[in-house]
Structures are given as C-alpha cells and as structure tokens.
Amino acid sequence: MKPKKVPESFTEANTKLAQIGEKVRMLRKGLSPNYENFAANSNLNKVTLNKIERGENVSMRLFVLTLQKMGISLENFFKGL
C-alpha cells in the first residue's frame, strides 16, 4: 500500500498550527510555568491544553476558550502571526 501524499497546503497549515501552539505555550508560561497547574486552575482539560501547545488539531471553541482563560483576545493573539 502506497503512503498517501500530503498536499502542500496541509504542510503549510501544520506549520501555522505549530506556530500558534508555540505562541500559546509562550504566553501560558508567562502566567504559569506548569501547564497542568494552569489547566487545573483555569478549569481547562490538560490534554486539550497540551494538544494546543503542540499545534495539534482541536476545535475552535476550545482554542477560543483557552485564550479567554488566558485573558487574551483573538485580535491580540494573531498580531504578528
């Protein structure tokens, strides 16, 4: 069985997701160095937070909720990305 070819647009999207995840991680570390503690204190699922920080696919609702818990607006988050 041949491996599926990944379209270039998927590769670009994965790169962007990784950049977004890194920015979330950087901002979260400014609030709490430990993602598990931040998740618990913010009433977020630690697995979801970890997925976001690793640039994995999560729902937009969970992503927006995470930014809200961090006190960051969408407008400010996406500046410079």
N, C-alpha and C. Protein backbone atom coordinates (compact mmCIF):
# COMPACT_ATOMS: atom_id res chain seq x y z
N MET A 1 0.85 -1.18 0.00
CA MET A 1 0.00 0.00 0.00
C MET A 1 0.89 1.24 0.00
N LYS A 2 0.63 2.15 -0.92
CA LYS A 2 1.42 3.37 -1.02
C LYS A 2 0.98 4.35 0.06
N PRO A 3 1.96 5.08 0.62
CA PRO A 3 1.56 6.12 1.58
C PRO A 3 0.84 7.25 0.86
N LYS A 4 -0.10 7.85 1.55
CA LYS A 4 -0.85 8.96 0.96
C LYS A 4 0.05 10.18 0.86
N LYS A 5 -0.08 10.88 -0.25
CA LYS A 5 0.66 12.11 -0.44
C LYS A 5 -0.08 13.22 0.29
N VAL A 6 0.66 13.97 1.10
CA VAL A 6 0.06 15.07 1.85
C VAL A 6 0.14 16.32 0.99
N PRO A 7 -1.00 16.95 0.72
CA PRO A 7 -0.97 18.19 -0.08
C PRO A 7 -0.12 19.26 0.60
N GLU A 8 0.52 20.09 -0.22
CA GLU A 8 1.37 21.14 0.33
C GLU A 8 0.58 22.06 1.26
N SER A 9 -0.68 22.28 0.95
CA SER A 9 -1.48 23.17 1.80
C SER A 9 -1.61 22.60 3.22
N PHE A 10 -1.64 21.28 3.35
CA PHE A 10 -1.68 20.66 4.67
C PHE A 10 -0.38 20.93 5.41
N THR A 11 0.73 20.85 4.70
CA THR A 11 2.02 21.11 5.30
C THR A 11 2.09 22.55 5.81
N GLU A 12 1.60 23.48 5.00
CA GLU A 12 1.57 24.88 5.41
C GLU A 12 0.67 25.07 6.64
N ALA A 13 -0.46 24.42 6.63
CA ALA A 13 -1.39 24.53 7.77
C ALA A 13 -0.75 23.95 9.03
N ASN A 14 -0.06 22.84 8.90
CA ASN A 14 0.61 22.24 10.06
C ASN A 14 1.69 23.15 10.61
N THR A 15 2.39 23.85 9.72
CA THR A 15 3.41 24.80 10.16
C THR A 15 2.77 25.94 10.94
N LYS A 16 1.65 26.45 10.44
CA LYS A 16 0.94 27.52 11.15
C LYS A 16 0.42 27.05 12.50
N LEU A 17 -0.12 25.83 12.55
CA LEU A 17 -0.61 25.29 13.82
C LEU A 17 0.53 25.17 14.83
N ALA A 18 1.70 24.78 14.38
CA ALA A 18 2.86 24.68 15.26
C ALA A 18 3.24 26.07 15.79
N GLN A 19 3.17 27.09 14.94
CA GLN A 19 3.48 28.46 15.36
C GLN A 19 2.46 28.95 16.39
N ILE A 20 1.20 28.65 16.14
CA ILE A 20 0.14 29.04 17.07
C ILE A 20 0.36 28.35 18.41
N GLY A 21 0.65 27.05 18.37
CA GLY A 21 0.88 26.30 19.60
C GLY A 21 2.06 26.85 20.39
N GLU A 22 3.12 27.22 19.71
CA GLU A 22 4.30 27.78 20.37
C GLU A 22 3.97 29.11 21.03
N LYS A 23 3.15 29.91 20.35
CA LYS A 23 2.76 31.20 20.93
C LYS A 23 1.88 30.99 22.16
N VAL A 24 0.96 30.04 22.10
CA VAL A 24 0.13 29.73 23.27
C VAL A 24 1.02 29.29 24.43
N ARG A 25 1.98 28.42 24.15
CA ARG A 25 2.90 27.93 25.19
C ARG A 25 3.67 29.09 25.82
N MET A 26 4.21 29.98 24.98
CA MET A 26 4.99 31.10 25.47
C MET A 26 4.13 32.00 26.38
N LEU A 27 2.92 32.31 25.92
CA LEU A 27 2.03 33.16 26.71
C LEU A 27 1.59 32.47 28.00
N ARG A 28 1.29 31.19 27.92
CA ARG A 28 0.88 30.45 29.13
C ARG A 28 2.01 30.38 30.14
N LYS A 29 3.25 30.20 29.68
CA LYS A 29 4.40 30.15 30.60
C LYS A 29 4.57 31.47 31.33
N GLY A 30 4.15 32.57 30.71
CA GLY A 30 4.18 33.85 31.39
C GLY A 30 3.18 33.92 32.54
N LEU A 31 2.16 33.08 32.47
CA LEU A 31 1.14 33.03 33.52
C LEU A 31 1.43 31.92 34.53
N SER A 32 1.93 30.80 34.04
CA SER A 32 2.20 29.64 34.90
C SER A 32 3.20 28.74 34.19
N PRO A 33 4.32 28.41 34.84
CA PRO A 33 5.33 27.58 34.18
C PRO A 33 4.87 26.13 33.94
N ASN A 34 3.86 25.69 34.66
CA ASN A 34 3.42 24.30 34.55
C ASN A 34 2.03 24.27 33.89
N TYR A 35 1.95 23.60 32.73
CA TYR A 35 0.67 23.58 32.01
C TYR A 35 -0.41 22.84 32.78
N GLU A 36 -0.04 21.81 33.55
CA GLU A 36 -1.04 21.06 34.31
C GLU A 36 -1.65 21.94 35.39
N ASN A 37 -0.82 22.72 36.09
CA ASN A 37 -1.35 23.63 37.11
C ASN A 37 -2.22 24.70 36.48
N PHE A 38 -1.76 25.27 35.36
CA PHE A 38 -2.57 26.29 34.69
C PHE A 38 -3.91 25.71 34.27
N ALA A 39 -3.90 24.52 33.70
CA ALA A 39 -5.15 23.89 33.25
C ALA A 39 -6.09 23.67 34.44
N ALA A 40 -5.56 23.16 35.52
CA ALA A 40 -6.40 22.90 36.69
C ALA A 40 -6.97 24.20 37.27
N ASN A 41 -6.12 25.22 37.38
CA ASN A 41 -6.56 26.50 37.94
C ASN A 41 -7.52 27.24 37.02
N SER A 42 -7.47 26.95 35.73
CA SER A 42 -8.32 27.63 34.75
C SER A 42 -9.54 26.80 34.35
N ASN A 43 -9.67 25.63 34.96
CA ASN A 43 -10.76 24.72 34.63
C ASN A 43 -10.75 24.32 33.16
N LEU A 44 -9.53 24.03 32.65
CA LEU A 44 -9.34 23.53 31.30
C LEU A 44 -8.87 22.09 31.36
N ASN A 45 -9.13 21.35 30.33
CA ASN A 45 -8.64 19.99 30.24
C ASN A 45 -7.15 20.04 29.89
N LYS A 46 -6.31 19.39 30.72
CA LYS A 46 -4.87 19.48 30.50
C LYS A 46 -4.45 18.82 29.18
N VAL A 47 -5.16 17.80 28.74
CA VAL A 47 -4.84 17.14 27.47
C VAL A 47 -5.12 18.10 26.31
N THR A 48 -6.23 18.82 26.39
CA THR A 48 -6.57 19.79 25.36
C THR A 48 -5.52 20.90 25.30
N LEU A 49 -5.15 21.43 26.45
CA LEU A 49 -4.14 22.48 26.50
C LEU A 49 -2.82 21.98 25.91
N ASN A 50 -2.44 20.77 26.26
CA ASN A 50 -1.21 20.19 25.72
C ASN A 50 -1.29 20.04 24.20
N LYS A 51 -2.44 19.61 23.69
CA LYS A 51 -2.61 19.48 22.24
C LYS A 51 -2.47 20.84 21.55
N ILE A 52 -3.08 21.86 22.12
CA ILE A 52 -2.98 23.20 21.54
C ILE A 52 -1.52 23.64 21.51
N GLU A 53 -0.81 23.44 22.61
CA GLU A 53 0.58 23.87 22.68
C GLU A 53 1.49 23.09 21.73
N ARG A 54 1.10 21.89 21.38
CA ARG A 54 1.89 21.09 20.43
C ARG A 54 1.45 21.33 18.99
N GLY A 55 0.46 22.19 18.79
CA GLY A 55 0.00 22.50 17.44
C GLY A 55 -0.88 21.44 16.84
N GLU A 56 -1.50 20.64 17.69
CA GLU A 56 -2.40 19.61 17.19
C GLU A 56 -3.80 20.19 16.99
N ASN A 57 -4.57 19.50 16.21
CA ASN A 57 -5.91 19.95 15.85
C ASN A 57 -6.87 19.81 17.03
N VAL A 58 -7.49 20.92 17.40
CA VAL A 58 -8.57 20.92 18.40
C VAL A 58 -9.69 21.79 17.85
N SER A 59 -10.83 21.77 18.49
CA SER A 59 -11.94 22.59 17.99
C SER A 59 -11.64 24.06 18.22
N MET A 60 -12.20 24.88 17.37
CA MET A 60 -12.04 26.33 17.51
C MET A 60 -12.63 26.80 18.84
N ARG A 61 -13.71 26.17 19.26
CA ARG A 61 -14.35 26.53 20.53
C ARG A 61 -13.37 26.36 21.69
N LEU A 62 -12.65 25.24 21.71
CA LEU A 62 -11.69 25.00 22.79
C LEU A 62 -10.50 25.95 22.71
N PHE A 63 -10.07 26.27 21.48
CA PHE A 63 -8.98 27.21 21.31
C PHE A 63 -9.36 28.59 21.83
N VAL A 64 -10.55 29.07 21.44
CA VAL A 64 -11.03 30.38 21.88
C VAL A 64 -11.21 30.39 23.39
N LEU A 65 -11.77 29.34 23.95
CA LEU A 65 -11.95 29.24 25.40
C LEU A 65 -10.61 29.32 26.12
N THR A 66 -9.61 28.65 25.58
CA THR A 66 -8.27 28.68 26.18
C THR A 66 -7.71 30.09 26.17
N LEU A 67 -7.84 30.80 25.06
CA LEU A 67 -7.37 32.19 25.01
C LEU A 67 -8.13 33.06 26.01
N GLN A 68 -9.43 32.84 26.13
CA GLN A 68 -10.22 33.61 27.10
C GLN A 68 -9.71 33.37 28.52
N LYS A 69 -9.41 32.12 28.84
CA LYS A 69 -8.91 31.79 30.17
C LYS A 69 -7.55 32.43 30.42
N MET A 70 -6.81 32.68 29.35
CA MET A 70 -5.50 33.33 29.46
C MET A 70 -5.63 34.85 29.45
N GLY A 71 -6.85 35.36 29.20
CA GLY A 71 -7.08 36.80 29.17
C GLY A 71 -6.55 37.46 27.91
N ILE A 72 -6.57 36.73 26.79
CA ILE A 72 -6.02 37.23 25.53
C ILE A 72 -7.13 37.26 24.48
N SER A 73 -7.25 38.38 23.79
CA SER A 73 -8.24 38.48 22.73
C SER A 73 -7.69 37.83 21.46
N LEU A 74 -8.59 37.43 20.59
CA LEU A 74 -8.17 36.86 19.29
C LEU A 74 -7.34 37.87 18.50
N GLU A 75 -7.78 39.12 18.52
CA GLU A 75 -7.08 40.17 17.77
C GLU A 75 -5.62 40.28 18.22
N ASN A 76 -5.42 40.35 19.54
CA ASN A 76 -4.05 40.46 20.07
C ASN A 76 -3.25 39.19 19.83
N PHE A 77 -3.88 38.05 19.92
CA PHE A 77 -3.15 36.79 19.74
C PHE A 77 -2.59 36.69 18.34
N PHE A 78 -3.39 37.04 17.35
CA PHE A 78 -2.98 36.81 15.96
C PHE A 78 -2.13 37.94 15.37
N LYS A 79 -1.87 38.98 16.13
CA LYS A 79 -0.96 40.03 15.65
C LYS A 79 0.43 39.42 15.47
N GLY A 80 0.99 39.60 14.31
CA GLY A 80 2.35 39.12 14.07
C GLY A 80 2.46 37.67 13.63
N LEU A 81 1.34 36.97 13.52
CA LEU A 81 1.41 35.57 13.06
C LEU A 81 1.17 35.50 11.58
